[in-house]
Amino acid sequence: MIDAYEEPGTPDCRGGWRFLWWLVLRQPARSLAGAALASTWMVLMATAPYLMSRAIDDGLVAGDLGALTWWCVVLFVVGAVNSWVSIMRHRTMTRVRMDANFRTVKVVVRQAVRLGAALPRRAGAGEIVTIGVGDVQTIATALTVVGPGVGSVVVYAVVAGVLLSISAPLAGVVLLGVPVIVLVAGPLTVRLQRTETEYRERQGVLTARIGDLAGGLRVLNGLGGKGLFADAFRHDSQRLREQGYRVGAVASWVQALGVGLPTLFLATVTWLAARLAAQGDLTIGELVSVYGYVAVLVGPVAFFLEMGYQLSRGVVAARRVVGLLRLEPEPDRGTRPAPAEPSVLYDPESGVRVAPGRLTALAGARPADAAAVVDRLGRYTPSAATWGGVRLDAVPSAEVRERILVADNEADLFAATLHEMVAGRGSPGEEAVRRAVHAAAADDIVQALPEGLDSPVTAQGRSLSGGQRQRVRLVRALLADPEVLLAVEPTSALDAHTEATVAERLREARAGRTTVVTSTSPLVLDRADTVLYLVDGKLAAGGSHRELLAREPGYRALVARDAEEAVR
């Protein structure tokens, strides 16, 4: 099974069927083992009727106790061996499904990382959630065809050959049975693919709407738009429910045929075998074996239909995954070198100019305005921002990411030890970690954990408080030690004392390097070299904190309001 750190390979994105086949080829030995074990398991099940017929004809009918005992012992041994084969088959197929599941997850996550900041613009959140929650599991389940699917074909051919040696009419009915079933169920399978595709698309839309509702409920409520949004959600959910009913209707027919057609098939062969036995063309043992063969065939025939159902759903899910994997990141047209020395960052849209080597604070009544400036200066959104007179989008993105770091206060924290969490992809020494922890006033976090930096922390830092998570993110940003650090609200969840400590230590830790923070806290603004005051996303004034307090009434009111909220 694929290892957590193993490269998943390059998927075949030419279509849903190609992707499923790629998943099979990525584990050839296990797939072959699953097919071999499933075939052996089903063939051994088919040998039971033959052994019973020999026990009846050679033992019961002939009155030979020795022969009867021998064939019973053989039947028991074959059953015991087949039980072990069944266990190994199940284990192998579980590994096949898990490998397909994990491998698909890894290629999807790798693609999401590859798309980077372009992901939200290229694929909706609902689409990603639907793929991760439902489609990946559906694809893994479809790979069941590798084991029992192949085994069904093998045992069907074996039983047909055995019946041919007993009676040609019986063999003819068996050989013609599956084509008839395929002709009956085939159109339903095609229809299921179509309805399932539409259902999955609507499910993605509705999931995205749920995310939008959860993220913007407060804003919607303030604007009086909650009712309008709720009506739209209600309408979409009703359409999804109706589409789900259509999928369920087709699926129920497929599953009903999976039970009903094999039963009719069994009845037909049983009736024909009984007539042949009554006419003396079959022995009692052969009649019993025919009953057994047909009973064994009920499973493979039913699985043919189940296989078609699962493959139909798997192909639909694989097409959705392939659609995501086909997306290409926005082309990096950067060809100009970045400035060799620390240089001015300039955002013409807002008028913000960040001097190199200084601690600059962006303050505005709307935090989103300051965050938007940071996104443009960090090249996370298209803009005409420049760096040392060179447009940021003209510099290769790899060089921008190497030297300019945007530290969002909601950035993801992945489950790991605290040391691994803050180290990122680097390998900082213990002294560097200690300095970063001290600069972010996070010493108490390390001391409170039972194993210090080696203590495990849950995903997104759920085992930490909001203020602790914020300081852990700041430790990670400081350890990266970028030439330019753009930090969005790095102290918004801290108490006044801790915030003042972080602001002072951040200034010391980043001395001589370019640092931008967005904040309206006077404790942070007072320690900045330059404060840029934004009004409606535009630069209204700049200077030191005390200078702006003296000459800008709007700035003074903004800072006073923030100070009052901090006291409360």
Protein backbone atom coordinates (compact mmCIF):
# COMPACT_ATOMS: atom_id res chain seq x y z
CA MET A 1 0.00 0.00 0.00
CA ILE A 2 1.21 3.51 -0.79
CA ASP A 3 3.37 5.03 1.92
CA ALA A 4 2.47 8.40 3.43
CA TYR A 5 5.59 9.98 1.88
CA GLU A 6 5.69 7.97 -1.33
CA GLU A 7 5.31 9.75 -4.64
CA PRO A 8 1.87 8.76 -6.03
CA GLY A 9 2.99 8.91 -9.67
CA THR A 10 1.64 10.75 -12.69
CA PRO A 11 -2.06 9.97 -13.17
CA ASP A 12 -3.60 9.26 -16.56
CA CYS A 13 -5.96 12.20 -17.07
CA ARG A 14 -7.30 11.23 -20.49
CA GLY A 15 -10.62 10.14 -19.00
CA GLY A 16 -12.40 8.42 -16.14
CA TRP A 17 -11.74 4.87 -17.41
CA ARG A 18 -8.07 5.70 -17.97
CA PHE A 19 -7.74 7.02 -14.42
CA LEU A 20 -9.26 3.86 -12.94
CA TRP A 21 -6.94 1.70 -15.03
CA TRP A 22 -3.97 3.81 -13.87
CA LEU A 23 -4.91 3.08 -10.25
CA VAL A 24 -4.88 -0.65 -11.05
CA LEU A 25 -1.50 -0.45 -12.81
CA ARG A 26 0.08 1.39 -9.88
CA GLN A 27 -0.28 -1.78 -7.79
CA PRO A 28 0.11 -4.60 -10.35
CA ALA A 29 1.28 -7.33 -7.97
CA ARG A 30 -1.53 -6.70 -5.51
CA SER A 31 -4.10 -6.43 -8.31
CA LEU A 32 -2.96 -9.74 -9.80
CA ALA A 33 -2.99 -11.34 -6.34
CA GLY A 34 -6.52 -10.08 -5.75
CA ALA A 35 -7.67 -11.47 -9.09
CA ALA A 36 -5.93 -14.81 -8.48
CA LEU A 37 -7.27 -15.19 -4.95
CA ALA A 38 -10.80 -14.22 -5.97
CA SER A 39 -10.69 -16.66 -8.90
CA THR A 40 -9.37 -19.45 -6.67
CA TRP A 41 -12.01 -18.69 -4.04
CA MET A 42 -14.88 -18.87 -6.54
CA VAL A 43 -13.52 -21.93 -8.36
CA LEU A 44 -13.12 -23.79 -5.05
CA MET A 45 -16.72 -22.91 -4.24
CA ALA A 46 -17.69 -24.45 -7.57
CA THR A 47 -15.83 -27.66 -6.73
CA ALA A 48 -18.15 -28.31 -3.77
CA PRO A 49 -21.09 -29.44 -5.97
CA TYR A 50 -18.77 -31.80 -7.89
CA LEU A 51 -17.48 -33.33 -4.63
CA MET A 52 -21.05 -33.71 -3.38
CA SER A 53 -22.08 -35.46 -6.59
CA ARG A 54 -19.19 -37.92 -6.26
CA ALA A 55 -20.10 -38.58 -2.61
CA ILE A 56 -23.69 -39.29 -3.63
CA ASP A 57 -22.97 -41.42 -6.71
CA ASP A 58 -19.89 -43.27 -5.40
CA GLY A 59 -20.92 -43.48 -1.76
CA LEU A 60 -24.65 -43.21 -1.05
CA VAL A 61 -26.03 -44.71 -4.25
CA ALA A 62 -23.33 -47.41 -4.43
CA GLY A 63 -23.54 -48.07 -0.67
CA ASP A 64 -19.77 -47.61 -0.30
CA LEU A 65 -19.10 -46.13 3.19
CA GLY A 66 -15.39 -45.78 2.51
CA ALA A 67 -15.96 -43.72 -0.66
CA LEU A 68 -18.56 -41.62 1.14
CA THR A 69 -16.12 -40.91 3.99
CA TRP A 70 -13.30 -40.09 1.58
CA TRP A 71 -15.32 -37.59 -0.42
CA CYS A 72 -16.69 -35.98 2.77
CA VAL A 73 -13.13 -35.51 4.09
CA VAL A 74 -12.07 -33.97 0.77
CA LEU A 75 -15.10 -31.68 0.88
CA PHE A 76 -14.17 -30.55 4.40
CA VAL A 77 -10.52 -29.90 3.48
CA VAL A 78 -11.50 -27.92 0.38
CA GLY A 79 -13.93 -25.86 2.46
CA ALA A 80 -11.26 -25.14 5.09
CA VAL A 81 -8.71 -24.13 2.45
CA ASN A 82 -11.28 -21.95 0.73
CA SER A 83 -12.03 -20.18 4.02
CA TRP A 84 -8.38 -19.20 4.28
CA VAL A 85 -8.36 -18.11 0.61
CA SER A 86 -11.44 -15.99 1.27
CA ILE A 87 -9.73 -14.24 4.17
CA MET A 88 -6.64 -13.49 2.09
CA ARG A 89 -8.81 -12.30 -0.80
CA HIS A 90 -10.64 -9.88 1.47
CA ARG A 91 -7.39 -8.55 2.94
CA THR A 92 -5.84 -8.10 -0.47
CA MET A 93 -8.86 -6.31 -1.92
CA THR A 94 -9.04 -4.05 1.13
CA ARG A 95 -5.44 -3.03 0.44
CA VAL A 96 -6.28 -2.49 -3.23
CA ARG A 97 -9.12 -0.15 -2.29
CA MET A 98 -7.09 1.67 0.36
CA ASP A 99 -4.18 2.19 -2.02
CA ALA A 100 -6.55 3.63 -4.63
CA ASN A 101 -8.14 5.84 -1.98
CA PHE A 102 -4.88 7.21 -0.58
CA ARG A 103 -3.27 7.57 -4.01
CA THR A 104 -6.22 9.56 -5.32
CA VAL A 105 -6.16 11.77 -2.23
CA LYS A 106 -2.45 12.41 -2.72
CA VAL A 107 -2.75 13.40 -6.38
CA VAL A 108 -5.71 15.66 -5.55
CA VAL A 109 -3.82 17.34 -2.69
CA ARG A 110 -0.72 17.67 -4.86
CA GLN A 111 -2.80 19.34 -7.56
CA ALA A 112 -4.35 21.69 -5.03
CA VAL A 113 -0.87 22.69 -3.87
CA ARG A 114 0.27 23.06 -7.48
CA LEU A 115 -2.62 25.39 -8.29
CA GLY A 116 -1.83 27.37 -5.15
CA ALA A 117 -3.53 30.74 -4.89
CA ALA A 118 -5.25 30.10 -8.24
CA LEU A 119 -7.26 27.18 -6.80
CA PRO A 120 -10.23 29.25 -5.50
CA ARG A 121 -10.55 30.89 -8.91
CA ARG A 122 -10.31 27.63 -10.86
CA ALA A 123 -12.43 25.26 -8.73
CA GLY A 124 -15.13 25.90 -6.18
CA ALA A 125 -14.79 24.90 -2.55
CA GLY A 126 -17.86 22.68 -2.94
CA GLU A 127 -16.20 20.82 -5.80
CA ILE A 128 -13.11 20.07 -3.72
CA VAL A 129 -15.16 18.99 -0.71
CA THR A 130 -17.36 16.71 -2.82
CA ILE A 131 -14.31 15.07 -4.39
CA GLY A 132 -12.62 14.58 -1.02
CA VAL A 133 -15.69 13.34 0.84
CA GLY A 134 -17.51 11.22 -1.74
CA ASP A 135 -15.73 10.72 -5.05
CA VAL A 136 -12.49 9.32 -3.64
CA GLN A 137 -14.36 6.58 -1.75
CA THR A 138 -16.52 5.80 -4.80
CA ILE A 139 -13.42 5.37 -6.96
CA ALA A 140 -11.83 3.04 -4.41
CA THR A 141 -14.99 0.91 -4.23
CA ALA A 142 -15.09 0.61 -8.02
CA LEU A 143 -11.72 -1.17 -7.95
CA THR A 144 -13.47 -4.18 -6.39
CA VAL A 145 -13.81 -5.32 -10.00
CA VAL A 146 -10.12 -6.23 -9.92
CA GLY A 147 -10.78 -9.16 -7.57
CA PRO A 148 -14.31 -10.57 -7.54
CA GLY A 149 -14.89 -9.19 -11.03
CA VAL A 150 -12.12 -11.28 -12.57
CA GLY A 151 -13.06 -14.23 -10.34
CA SER A 152 -16.65 -14.10 -11.57
CA VAL A 153 -15.53 -14.36 -15.17
CA VAL A 154 -13.22 -17.27 -14.39
CA VAL A 155 -15.75 -19.29 -12.38
CA TYR A 156 -18.42 -18.63 -14.98
CA ALA A 157 -16.19 -20.12 -17.68
CA VAL A 158 -15.23 -23.09 -15.45
CA VAL A 159 -18.84 -23.93 -14.54
CA ALA A 160 -19.95 -23.57 -18.16
CA GLY A 161 -17.20 -26.04 -19.19
CA VAL A 162 -18.24 -28.53 -16.48
CA LEU A 163 -21.90 -28.27 -17.45
CA LEU A 164 -20.95 -28.82 -21.07
CA SER A 165 -19.52 -32.22 -20.06
CA ILE A 166 -22.82 -33.04 -18.30
CA SER A 167 -25.36 -31.58 -20.72
CA ALA A 168 -25.02 -29.34 -23.77
CA PRO A 169 -28.48 -27.70 -23.27
CA LEU A 170 -27.58 -26.75 -19.69
CA ALA A 171 -24.24 -25.28 -20.82
CA GLY A 172 -26.06 -23.35 -23.57
CA VAL A 173 -28.47 -21.77 -21.07
CA VAL A 174 -25.57 -20.77 -18.81
CA LEU A 175 -23.50 -19.33 -21.66
CA LEU A 176 -26.43 -17.33 -23.03
CA GLY A 177 -27.60 -16.12 -19.62
CA VAL A 178 -25.03 -13.36 -19.05
CA PRO A 179 -25.34 -11.72 -22.50
CA VAL A 180 -29.09 -11.50 -21.94
CA ILE A 181 -28.58 -9.92 -18.54
CA VAL A 182 -26.07 -7.43 -19.98
CA LEU A 183 -28.53 -6.43 -22.72
CA VAL A 184 -31.24 -5.85 -20.13
CA ALA A 185 -29.13 -3.97 -17.58
CA GLY A 186 -26.74 -2.16 -19.96
CA PRO A 187 -29.05 0.77 -20.84
CA LEU A 188 -29.79 1.30 -17.16
CA THR A 189 -26.06 1.52 -16.42
CA VAL A 190 -25.60 4.23 -19.08
CA ARG A 191 -28.53 6.15 -17.69
CA LEU A 192 -27.12 5.82 -14.18
CA GLN A 193 -23.85 7.43 -15.28
CA ARG A 194 -25.76 10.39 -16.73
CA THR A 195 -27.96 11.00 -13.71
CA GLU A 196 -25.09 10.42 -11.28
CA THR A 197 -22.97 13.02 -13.10
CA GLU A 198 -25.68 15.66 -12.84
CA TYR A 199 -26.27 14.79 -9.19
CA ARG A 200 -22.59 15.17 -8.32
CA GLU A 201 -22.44 18.56 -10.06
CA ARG A 202 -25.44 19.85 -8.13
CA GLN A 203 -23.99 18.45 -4.92
CA GLY A 204 -20.81 20.47 -5.48
CA VAL A 205 -22.82 23.66 -6.05
CA LEU A 206 -24.84 23.15 -2.89
CA THR A 207 -21.73 22.37 -0.81
CA ALA A 208 -20.14 25.60 -2.03
CA ARG A 209 -23.26 27.51 -1.07
CA ILE A 210 -23.14 26.02 2.42
CA GLY A 211 -19.53 27.21 2.74
CA ASP A 212 -20.46 30.70 1.58
CA LEU A 213 -23.33 30.79 4.05
CA ALA A 214 -21.14 29.69 6.96
CA GLY A 215 -18.43 32.19 6.08
CA GLY A 216 -20.64 35.21 5.43
CA LEU A 217 -23.65 34.74 7.71
CA ARG A 218 -22.83 37.77 9.85
CA VAL A 219 -22.41 40.02 6.80
CA LEU A 220 -25.58 38.69 5.17
CA ASN A 221 -27.55 39.24 8.35
CA GLY A 222 -26.26 42.80 8.62
CA LEU A 223 -27.23 43.57 5.05
CA GLY A 224 -30.63 41.94 5.39
CA GLY A 225 -29.76 39.33 2.78
CA LYS A 226 -30.03 36.23 4.97
CA GLY A 227 -33.58 35.46 3.86
CA LEU A 228 -32.71 35.82 0.16
CA PHE A 229 -29.73 33.51 0.55
CA ALA A 230 -31.83 31.00 2.51
CA ASP A 231 -34.42 30.93 -0.30
CA ALA A 232 -31.70 30.25 -2.86
CA PHE A 233 -30.28 27.48 -0.69
CA ARG A 234 -33.74 25.97 -0.23
CA HIS A 235 -34.34 25.98 -3.99
CA ASP A 236 -30.96 24.37 -4.73
CA SER A 237 -31.41 21.71 -2.05
CA GLN A 238 -34.83 20.79 -3.44
CA ARG A 239 -33.36 20.40 -6.92
CA LEU A 240 -30.59 18.24 -5.48
CA ARG A 241 -33.15 16.10 -3.66
CA GLU A 242 -35.16 15.60 -6.84
CA GLN A 243 -32.01 14.65 -8.73
CA GLY A 244 -31.14 12.25 -5.92
CA TYR A 245 -34.54 10.60 -6.32
CA ARG A 246 -33.80 10.10 -10.03
CA VAL A 247 -30.44 8.54 -9.23
CA GLY A 248 -32.08 6.35 -6.61
CA ALA A 249 -34.75 5.22 -9.04
CA VAL A 250 -32.21 4.04 -11.60
CA ALA A 251 -29.97 2.51 -8.95
CA SER A 252 -32.91 0.61 -7.45
CA TRP A 253 -33.73 -0.91 -10.83
CA VAL A 254 -30.11 -1.97 -11.30
CA GLN A 255 -29.99 -3.53 -7.84
CA ALA A 256 -33.42 -5.19 -8.27
CA LEU A 257 -32.25 -6.77 -11.51
CA GLY A 258 -29.11 -7.89 -9.67
CA VAL A 259 -31.33 -9.97 -7.40
CA GLY A 260 -34.20 -10.87 -9.72
CA LEU A 261 -32.42 -11.89 -12.93
CA PRO A 262 -30.05 -14.37 -11.24
CA THR A 263 -33.06 -15.92 -9.49
CA LEU A 264 -34.86 -16.39 -12.81
CA PHE A 265 -31.63 -17.74 -14.24
CA LEU A 266 -31.41 -20.27 -11.39
CA ALA A 267 -35.04 -21.31 -11.85
CA THR A 268 -34.59 -21.88 -15.59
CA VAL A 269 -31.49 -24.06 -15.22
CA THR A 270 -33.03 -25.96 -12.29
CA TRP A 271 -36.20 -26.71 -14.25
CA LEU A 272 -34.19 -27.92 -17.24
CA ALA A 273 -31.93 -30.11 -15.07
CA ALA A 274 -34.94 -31.67 -13.31
CA ARG A 275 -36.49 -32.62 -16.66
CA LEU A 276 -33.21 -34.19 -17.80
CA ALA A 277 -32.99 -36.19 -14.53
CA ALA A 278 -36.61 -37.35 -14.90
CA GLN A 279 -35.81 -38.55 -18.40
CA GLY A 280 -32.79 -40.46 -17.09
CA ASP A 281 -30.22 -38.26 -18.84
CA LEU A 282 -28.72 -37.13 -15.48
CA THR A 283 -27.77 -39.18 -12.43
CA ILE A 284 -28.93 -38.17 -8.96
CA GLY A 285 -25.42 -36.95 -8.16
CA GLU A 286 -25.25 -34.94 -11.38
CA LEU A 287 -28.65 -33.38 -10.63
CA VAL A 288 -27.44 -32.31 -7.19
CA SER A 289 -24.21 -30.95 -8.69
CA VAL A 290 -26.18 -28.92 -11.27
CA TYR A 291 -28.23 -27.39 -8.46
CA GLY A 292 -24.95 -26.57 -6.69
CA TYR A 293 -23.30 -25.13 -9.82
CA VAL A 294 -26.24 -22.84 -10.48
CA ALA A 295 -26.38 -21.76 -6.85
CA VAL A 296 -22.68 -20.88 -7.08
CA LEU A 297 -23.32 -18.95 -10.29
CA VAL A 298 -25.96 -16.77 -8.64
CA GLY A 299 -23.16 -14.85 -6.90
CA PRO A 300 -21.05 -14.08 -10.00
CA VAL A 301 -24.12 -13.20 -12.10
CA ALA A 302 -25.36 -10.84 -9.39
CA PHE A 303 -21.89 -9.39 -9.14
CA PHE A 304 -21.81 -8.67 -12.88
CA LEU A 305 -24.68 -6.25 -12.31
CA GLU A 306 -23.21 -4.88 -9.09
CA MET A 307 -19.91 -4.45 -10.90
CA GLY A 308 -21.60 -2.44 -13.63
CA TYR A 309 -23.29 -0.28 -11.01
CA GLN A 310 -20.09 0.41 -9.08
CA LEU A 311 -18.05 1.01 -12.23
CA SER A 312 -20.64 3.48 -13.49
CA ARG A 313 -20.41 5.46 -10.28
CA GLY A 314 -16.63 5.09 -10.20
CA VAL A 315 -16.22 6.46 -13.71
CA VAL A 316 -18.39 9.47 -12.87
CA ALA A 317 -16.27 10.15 -9.77
CA ALA A 318 -13.03 9.59 -11.71
CA ARG A 319 -14.11 12.09 -14.36
CA ARG A 320 -14.59 14.71 -11.66
CA VAL A 321 -11.13 14.00 -10.26
CA VAL A 322 -9.64 14.11 -13.75
CA GLY A 323 -11.39 17.44 -14.36
CA LEU A 324 -9.59 18.88 -11.33
CA LEU A 325 -6.26 17.31 -12.29
CA ARG A 326 -6.47 18.83 -15.78
CA LEU A 327 -6.55 22.36 -14.42
CA GLU A 328 -3.34 24.24 -15.00
CA PRO A 329 -1.94 26.92 -12.69
CA GLU A 330 -1.82 30.43 -14.00
CA PRO A 331 1.24 30.66 -16.25
CA ASP A 332 4.28 32.27 -14.68
CA ARG A 333 5.36 34.82 -17.25
CA GLY A 334 8.04 36.23 -14.99
CA THR A 335 11.32 36.69 -16.84
CA ARG A 336 12.86 39.72 -15.14
CA PRO A 337 15.19 39.28 -12.18
CA ALA A 338 14.11 40.52 -8.79
CA PRO A 339 16.01 43.45 -7.27
CA ALA A 340 19.38 42.33 -5.99
CA GLU A 341 19.14 44.55 -2.91
CA PRO A 342 16.23 45.17 -0.51
CA SER A 343 13.94 47.53 -2.43
CA VAL A 344 10.70 49.47 -2.18
CA LEU A 345 7.42 47.61 -2.55
CA TYR A 346 4.75 49.77 -4.17
CA ASP A 347 1.03 49.15 -4.69
CA PRO A 348 -0.32 51.76 -7.13
CA GLU A 349 -3.93 50.73 -6.50
CA SER A 350 -3.79 51.91 -2.88
CA GLY A 351 -0.77 54.20 -3.06
CA VAL A 352 1.02 52.21 -0.35
CA ARG A 353 4.81 52.38 -0.53
CA VAL A 354 6.82 50.13 1.79
CA ALA A 355 10.36 51.23 2.49
CA PRO A 356 12.95 48.45 2.82
CA GLY A 357 14.50 47.60 6.15
CA ARG A 358 11.69 49.14 8.23
CA LEU A 359 8.69 47.99 10.26
CA THR A 360 5.59 49.35 8.49
CA ALA A 361 2.04 49.10 9.83
CA LEU A 362 -1.13 49.29 7.71
CA ALA A 363 -4.14 50.61 9.63
CA GLY A 364 -7.67 50.94 8.28
CA ALA A 365 -11.24 50.81 9.54
CA ARG A 366 -11.83 47.75 7.37
CA PRO A 367 -9.26 44.98 7.94
CA ALA A 368 -10.12 43.54 4.52
CA ASP A 369 -8.67 46.67 2.84
CA ALA A 370 -5.30 46.21 4.53
CA ALA A 371 -5.36 42.46 3.77
CA ALA A 372 -6.05 43.23 0.11
CA VAL A 373 -2.96 45.46 -0.03
CA VAL A 374 -0.89 42.63 1.50
CA ASP A 375 -2.24 40.17 -1.09
CA ARG A 376 -1.18 42.49 -3.90
CA LEU A 377 2.26 43.15 -2.41
CA GLY A 378 2.70 39.40 -1.88
CA ARG A 379 1.56 38.64 -5.45
CA TYR A 380 -1.42 36.58 -4.36
CA THR A 381 -3.80 38.57 -6.55
CA PRO A 382 -3.20 40.11 -9.99
CA SER A 383 -2.06 43.72 -9.69
CA ALA A 384 0.37 46.32 -10.96
CA ALA A 385 2.41 46.21 -7.74
CA THR A 386 6.15 46.79 -8.19
CA TRP A 387 9.29 45.76 -6.35
CA GLY A 388 12.21 48.07 -6.85
CA GLY A 389 10.49 49.48 -9.94
CA VAL A 390 9.93 46.00 -11.43
CA ARG A 391 6.40 44.68 -11.66
CA LEU A 392 5.94 41.76 -9.30
CA ASP A 393 4.20 39.67 -11.96
CA ALA A 394 7.30 40.11 -14.18
CA VAL A 395 9.48 38.35 -11.59
CA PRO A 396 9.43 34.52 -11.52
CA SER A 397 7.00 33.42 -8.82
CA ALA A 398 9.56 31.06 -7.24
CA GLU A 399 11.84 34.01 -6.54
CA VAL A 400 8.97 36.07 -5.14
CA ARG A 401 7.95 33.24 -2.81
CA GLU A 402 11.55 32.75 -1.72
CA ARG A 403 11.99 36.35 -0.63
CA ILE A 404 8.48 37.61 0.20
CA LEU A 405 6.33 35.77 2.74
CA VAL A 406 2.66 36.49 3.45
CA ALA A 407 1.80 35.30 6.98
CA ASP A 408 -1.97 35.04 7.31
CA ASN A 409 -3.37 34.82 10.84
CA GLU A 410 -5.70 32.04 9.61
CA ALA A 411 -2.98 30.02 7.86
CA ASP A 412 -3.33 26.24 8.17
CA LEU A 413 -1.52 24.32 10.88
CA PHE A 414 -0.87 20.69 10.04
CA ALA A 415 -0.84 17.95 12.66
CA ALA A 416 2.72 17.35 13.88
CA THR A 417 4.95 17.96 16.84
CA LEU A 418 5.25 21.63 17.74
CA HIS A 419 8.82 21.66 16.46
CA GLU A 420 7.80 20.20 13.09
CA MET A 421 4.83 22.54 12.91
CA VAL A 422 6.93 25.70 13.24
CA ALA A 423 9.94 24.42 11.29
CA GLY A 424 7.98 23.95 8.07
CA ARG A 425 10.12 22.53 5.30
CA GLY A 426 13.32 23.94 6.79
CA SER A 427 15.68 22.44 9.37
CA PRO A 428 16.29 25.25 11.84
CA GLY A 429 18.66 24.69 14.72
CA GLU A 430 17.54 24.65 18.33
CA GLU A 431 18.93 28.13 18.95
CA ALA A 432 17.01 29.57 15.98
CA VAL A 433 13.81 27.95 17.22
CA ARG A 434 14.38 29.28 20.72
CA ARG A 435 14.89 32.84 19.41
CA ALA A 436 11.74 32.67 17.26
CA VAL A 437 9.69 31.30 20.16
CA HIS A 438 10.95 34.09 22.39
CA ALA A 439 10.28 36.77 19.76
CA ALA A 440 6.66 35.57 19.41
CA ALA A 441 6.25 35.48 23.22
CA ALA A 442 5.44 31.78 22.90
CA ASP A 443 7.72 30.51 25.69
CA ASP A 444 4.70 29.77 27.90
CA ILE A 445 3.20 27.55 25.18
CA VAL A 446 6.32 25.39 25.02
CA GLN A 447 6.56 25.20 28.82
CA ALA A 448 2.88 24.23 29.20
CA LEU A 449 3.14 21.27 26.82
CA PRO A 450 4.23 17.98 28.45
CA GLU A 451 7.11 17.35 26.03
CA GLY A 452 7.87 20.92 25.08
CA LEU A 453 8.67 21.36 21.39
CA ASP A 454 8.38 17.59 20.88
CA SER A 455 4.74 17.54 22.02
CA PRO A 456 2.22 16.55 19.33
CA VAL A 457 -0.27 19.23 18.27
CA THR A 458 -3.55 18.42 16.51
CA ALA A 459 -4.45 19.64 13.02
CA GLN A 460 -5.22 23.37 12.88
CA GLY A 461 -3.88 23.59 16.43
CA ARG A 462 -7.25 22.67 17.91
CA SER A 463 -5.55 21.65 21.14
CA LEU A 464 -4.34 25.26 21.52
CA SER A 465 -6.21 28.46 22.27
CA GLY A 466 -6.77 31.13 19.63
CA GLY A 467 -3.98 33.32 20.96
CA GLN A 468 -1.60 30.36 21.16
CA ARG A 469 -2.33 29.38 17.57
CA GLN A 470 -1.64 32.94 16.45
CA ARG A 471 1.74 32.98 18.19
CA VAL A 472 2.63 29.56 16.75
CA ARG A 473 1.95 30.95 13.27
CA LEU A 474 4.17 33.92 14.04
CA VAL A 475 6.96 31.61 15.24
CA ARG A 476 6.72 29.74 11.93
CA ALA A 477 6.90 32.99 9.95
CA LEU A 478 9.91 34.26 11.92
CA LEU A 479 11.74 30.95 11.46
CA ALA A 480 11.28 31.22 7.69
CA ASP A 481 13.27 34.48 8.00
CA PRO A 482 12.15 36.02 4.68
CA GLU A 483 13.61 39.20 3.29
CA VAL A 484 10.11 40.70 3.31
CA LEU A 485 7.51 39.58 5.88
CA LEU A 486 3.89 40.65 5.31
CA ALA A 487 1.91 39.69 8.43
CA VAL A 488 -1.90 40.00 8.51
CA GLU A 489 -3.25 40.82 12.01
CA PRO A 490 -0.50 38.86 13.82
CA THR A 491 -1.66 39.95 17.30
CA SER A 492 -5.45 40.30 16.99
CA ALA A 493 -6.22 37.41 19.39
CA LEU A 494 -3.72 38.38 22.11
CA ASP A 495 -4.29 40.18 25.38
CA ALA A 496 -2.83 43.67 25.76
CA HIS A 497 0.24 42.62 27.76
CA THR A 498 1.20 39.80 25.39
CA GLU A 499 0.47 41.98 22.37
CA ALA A 500 2.82 44.70 23.62
CA THR A 501 5.53 42.09 24.26
CA VAL A 502 5.14 40.58 20.77
CA ALA A 503 5.22 44.02 19.11
CA GLU A 504 8.44 44.99 20.89
CA ARG A 505 10.18 41.68 20.25
CA LEU A 506 9.03 41.54 16.63
CA ARG A 507 10.67 44.91 16.03
CA GLU A 508 13.92 43.61 17.53
CA ALA A 509 13.82 40.25 15.74
CA ARG A 510 13.22 41.87 12.34
CA ALA A 511 15.60 44.80 12.77
CA GLY A 512 17.05 45.84 9.43
CA ARG A 513 14.60 43.71 7.42
CA THR A 514 11.39 44.72 5.70
CA THR A 515 8.31 43.92 7.76
CA VAL A 516 4.68 44.91 7.19
CA VAL A 517 1.91 44.25 9.71
CA THR A 518 -1.77 45.05 9.45
CA SER A 519 -3.26 46.21 12.75
CA THR A 520 -5.28 48.93 14.45
CA SER A 521 -3.88 48.23 17.91
CA PRO A 522 -2.06 51.26 19.39
CA LEU A 523 0.33 48.85 21.12
CA VAL A 524 1.53 47.63 17.71
CA LEU A 525 1.24 50.93 15.85
CA ASP A 526 3.34 52.78 18.42
CA ARG A 527 6.29 50.46 17.76
CA ALA A 528 6.17 50.73 13.97
CA ASP A 529 8.68 52.91 12.14
CA THR A 530 5.96 54.02 9.75
CA VAL A 531 2.18 53.80 9.94
CA LEU A 532 0.14 54.02 6.72
CA TYR A 533 -3.47 55.02 7.32
CA LEU A 534 -5.97 53.61 4.80
CA VAL A 535 -9.41 54.97 4.04
CA ASP A 536 -11.58 52.89 1.69
CA GLY A 537 -8.49 50.96 0.64
CA LYS A 538 -6.51 54.07 -0.33
CA LEU A 539 -3.56 55.67 1.42
CA ALA A 540 -4.86 58.71 3.31
CA ALA A 541 -1.83 59.58 5.41
CA GLY A 542 1.52 58.26 6.59
CA GLY A 543 3.92 58.91 9.39
CA SER A 544 4.67 57.77 12.90
CA HIS A 545 1.88 56.69 15.22
CA ARG A 546 2.15 59.85 17.31
CA GLU A 547 2.25 62.12 14.25
CA LEU A 548 -0.94 60.60 12.88
CA LEU A 549 -2.65 60.87 16.23
CA ALA A 550 -1.88 64.57 16.26
CA ARG A 551 -3.03 65.46 12.74
CA GLU A 552 -5.54 62.81 11.57
CA PRO A 553 -8.92 62.83 13.36
CA GLY A 554 -10.09 59.69 11.56
CA TYR A 555 -6.95 57.79 12.56
CA ARG A 556 -7.29 59.03 16.11
CA ALA A 557 -10.89 57.82 16.29
CA LEU A 558 -9.94 54.43 14.81
CA VAL A 559 -7.14 53.84 17.29
CA ALA A 560 -9.19 55.07 20.24
CA ARG A 561 -12.01 52.69 19.34
CA ASP A 562 -9.60 49.78 19.15
CA ALA A 563 -8.10 50.71 22.51
CA GLU A 564 -11.56 50.85 24.12
CA GLU A 565 -12.45 47.43 22.73
CA ALA A 566 -9.18 46.01 24.08
CA VAL A 567 -9.97 47.36 27.56
CA ARG A 568 -13.47 45.86 27.51
